[in-house]
């Protein structure tokens, strides 16, 4: 007898089958993730330096503005990466 979990998983699989990726697609997705992480690290290093300078000068409004900019940049990079990964998964 199957558990409720197993039955639910079977129904879910019927509604939206799990896509299998080729090795090329997996490699391309890994490359996209790696590039995204590198871009984020680059932005963090650059903007953290600016934050430190603003803190040393006690420019608190500038610190908050730069922190918001960093959050926006990270969100944008992640969204771009997800869009690219979806295109790869779709075969495009």
C-alpha atoms as a PDB file:
ATOM      1  CA  UNK A   1       0.000   0.000   0.000  1.00  0.00           C
ATOM      2  CA  UNK A   2       1.356   3.438  -0.969  1.00  0.00           C
ATOM      3  CA  UNK A   3       1.619   6.319   1.436  1.00  0.00           C
ATOM      4  CA  UNK A   4      -0.170   9.600   0.866  1.00  0.00           C
ATOM      5  CA  UNK A   5       3.199  11.149   0.029  1.00  0.00           C
ATOM      6  CA  UNK A   6       3.913   8.585  -2.699  1.00  0.00           C
ATOM      7  CA  UNK A   7       0.442   9.072  -4.195  1.00  0.00           C
ATOM      8  CA  UNK A   8       0.856  12.852  -4.172  1.00  0.00           C
ATOM      9  CA  UNK A   9       4.259  12.556  -5.857  1.00  0.00           C
ATOM     10  CA  UNK A  10       2.786  10.326  -8.577  1.00  0.00           C
ATOM     11  CA  UNK A  11       0.017  12.866  -9.260  1.00  0.00           C
ATOM     12  CA  UNK A  12       2.523  15.698  -9.356  1.00  0.00           C
ATOM     13  CA  UNK A  13       4.732  13.778 -11.795  1.00  0.00           C
ATOM     14  CA  UNK A  14       1.733  13.218 -14.100  1.00  0.00           C
ATOM     15  CA  UNK A  15       0.808  16.914 -14.029  1.00  0.00           C
ATOM     16  CA  UNK A  16       4.306  18.214 -14.701  1.00  0.00           C
ATOM     17  CA  UNK A  17       6.856  15.559 -15.593  1.00  0.00           C
ATOM     18  CA  UNK A  18      10.408  16.042 -14.416  1.00  0.00           C
ATOM     19  CA  UNK A  19      12.598  17.278 -17.240  1.00  0.00           C
ATOM     20  CA  UNK A  20      15.835  15.441 -17.800  1.00  0.00           C
ATOM     21  CA  UNK A  21      18.806  17.498 -18.878  1.00  0.00           C
ATOM     22  CA  UNK A  22      21.577  16.472 -21.217  1.00  0.00           C
ATOM     23  CA  UNK A  23      25.176  16.664 -20.066  1.00  0.00           C
ATOM     24  CA  UNK A  24      25.673  19.734 -22.287  1.00  0.00           C
ATOM     25  CA  UNK A  25      22.709  21.466 -20.662  1.00  0.00           C
ATOM     26  CA  UNK A  26      23.995  20.617 -17.195  1.00  0.00           C
ATOM     27  CA  UNK A  27      27.423  21.992 -18.091  1.00  0.00           C
ATOM     28  CA  UNK A  28      25.907  25.157 -19.542  1.00  0.00           C
ATOM     29  CA  UNK A  29      23.774  25.690 -16.434  1.00  0.00           C
ATOM     30  CA  UNK A  30      26.818  25.147 -14.212  1.00  0.00           C
ATOM     31  CA  UNK A  31      28.682  27.735 -16.275  1.00  0.00           C
ATOM     32  CA  UNK A  32      25.849  30.226 -15.889  1.00  0.00           C
ATOM     33  CA  UNK A  33      25.777  29.665 -12.118  1.00  0.00           C
ATOM     34  CA  UNK A  34      29.525  30.083 -11.910  1.00  0.00           C
ATOM     35  CA  UNK A  35      29.439  33.310 -13.938  1.00  0.00           C
ATOM     36  CA  UNK A  36      26.618  34.671 -11.775  1.00  0.00           C
ATOM     37  CA  UNK A  37      28.509  33.916  -8.578  1.00  0.00           C
ATOM     38  CA  UNK A  38      31.617  35.599  -9.978  1.00  0.00           C
ATOM     39  CA  UNK A  39      29.654  38.726 -10.941  1.00  0.00           C
ATOM     40  CA  UNK A  40      28.075  38.880  -7.496  1.00  0.00           C
ATOM     41  CA  UNK A  41      31.452  38.507  -5.804  1.00  0.00           C
ATOM     42  CA  UNK A  42      32.884  41.270  -7.982  1.00  0.00           C
ATOM     43  CA  UNK A  43      30.025  43.633  -7.095  1.00  0.00           C
ATOM     44  CA  UNK A  44      30.298  42.764  -3.402  1.00  0.00           C
ATOM     45  CA  UNK A  45      34.036  43.473  -3.304  1.00  0.00           C
ATOM     46  CA  UNK A  46      33.641  46.773  -5.143  1.00  0.00           C
ATOM     47  CA  UNK A  47      30.633  48.027  -3.202  1.00  0.00           C
ATOM     48  CA  UNK A  48      31.824  46.765   0.201  1.00  0.00           C
ATOM     49  CA  UNK A  49      34.928  48.919  -0.320  1.00  0.00           C
ATOM     50  CA  UNK A  50      32.697  51.914  -1.032  1.00  0.00           C
ATOM     51  CA  UNK A  51      30.600  51.113   2.041  1.00  0.00           C
ATOM     52  CA  UNK A  52      33.715  50.995   4.208  1.00  0.00           C
ATOM     53  CA  UNK A  53      34.855  54.383   2.868  1.00  0.00           C
ATOM     54  CA  UNK A  54      31.437  55.919   3.485  1.00  0.00           C
ATOM     55  CA  UNK A  55      31.361  54.486   7.019  1.00  0.00           C
ATOM     56  CA  UNK A  56      34.807  55.890   7.734  1.00  0.00           C
ATOM     57  CA  UNK A  57      33.553  59.294   6.597  1.00  0.00           C
ATOM     58  CA  UNK A  58      30.387  58.774   8.682  1.00  0.00           C
ATOM     59  CA  UNK A  59      28.153  59.264   5.628  1.00  0.00           C
ATOM     60  CA  UNK A  60      25.340  57.028   6.861  1.00  0.00           C
ATOM     61  CA  UNK A  61      22.842  57.925   4.150  1.00  0.00           C
ATOM     62  CA  UNK A  62      25.432  57.021   1.515  1.00  0.00           C
ATOM     63  CA  UNK A  63      26.083  53.712   3.305  1.00  0.00           C
ATOM     64  CA  UNK A  64      22.375  52.845   3.183  1.00  0.00           C
ATOM     65  CA  UNK A  65      22.177  53.866  -0.493  1.00  0.00           C
ATOM     66  CA  UNK A  66      25.166  51.699  -1.429  1.00  0.00           C
ATOM     67  CA  UNK A  67      23.770  48.734   0.526  1.00  0.00           C
ATOM     68  CA  UNK A  68      20.484  49.083  -1.374  1.00  0.00           C
ATOM     69  CA  UNK A  69      22.407  49.280  -4.641  1.00  0.00           C
ATOM     70  CA  UNK A  70      24.269  46.086  -3.732  1.00  0.00           C
ATOM     71  CA  UNK A  71      20.994  44.298  -2.978  1.00  0.00           C
ATOM     72  CA  UNK A  72      19.524  45.463  -6.317  1.00  0.00           C
ATOM     73  CA  UNK A  73      22.619  44.344  -8.230  1.00  0.00           C
ATOM     74  CA  UNK A  74      22.596  40.899  -6.600  1.00  0.00           C
ATOM     75  CA  UNK A  75      18.882  40.488  -7.327  1.00  0.00           C
ATOM     76  CA  UNK A  76      19.381  41.564 -10.979  1.00  0.00           C
ATOM     77  CA  UNK A  77      22.314  39.193 -11.500  1.00  0.00           C
ATOM     78  CA  UNK A  78      20.368  36.298  -9.973  1.00  0.00           C
ATOM     79  CA  UNK A  79      17.315  37.056 -12.131  1.00  0.00           C
ATOM     80  CA  UNK A  80      19.472  37.223 -15.279  1.00  0.00           C
ATOM     81  CA  UNK A  81      21.070  33.908 -14.377  1.00  0.00           C
ATOM     82  CA  UNK A  82      17.696  32.253 -13.770  1.00  0.00           C
ATOM     83  CA  UNK A  83      16.398  33.543 -17.098  1.00  0.00           C
ATOM     84  CA  UNK A  84      19.423  32.130 -18.906  1.00  0.00           C
ATOM     85  CA  UNK A  85      19.089  28.782 -17.101  1.00  0.00           C
ATOM     86  CA  UNK A  86      15.398  28.554 -18.044  1.00  0.00           C
ATOM     87  CA  UNK A  87      16.300  29.108 -21.699  1.00  0.00           C
ATOM     88  CA  UNK A  88      18.830  26.276 -21.474  1.00  0.00           C
ATOM     89  CA  UNK A  89      16.287  23.989 -19.808  1.00  0.00           C
ATOM     90  CA  UNK A  90      13.743  24.808 -22.514  1.00  0.00           C
ATOM     91  CA  UNK A  91      16.255  23.834 -25.145  1.00  0.00           C
ATOM     92  CA  UNK A  92      16.743  27.333 -26.468  1.00  0.00           C
END
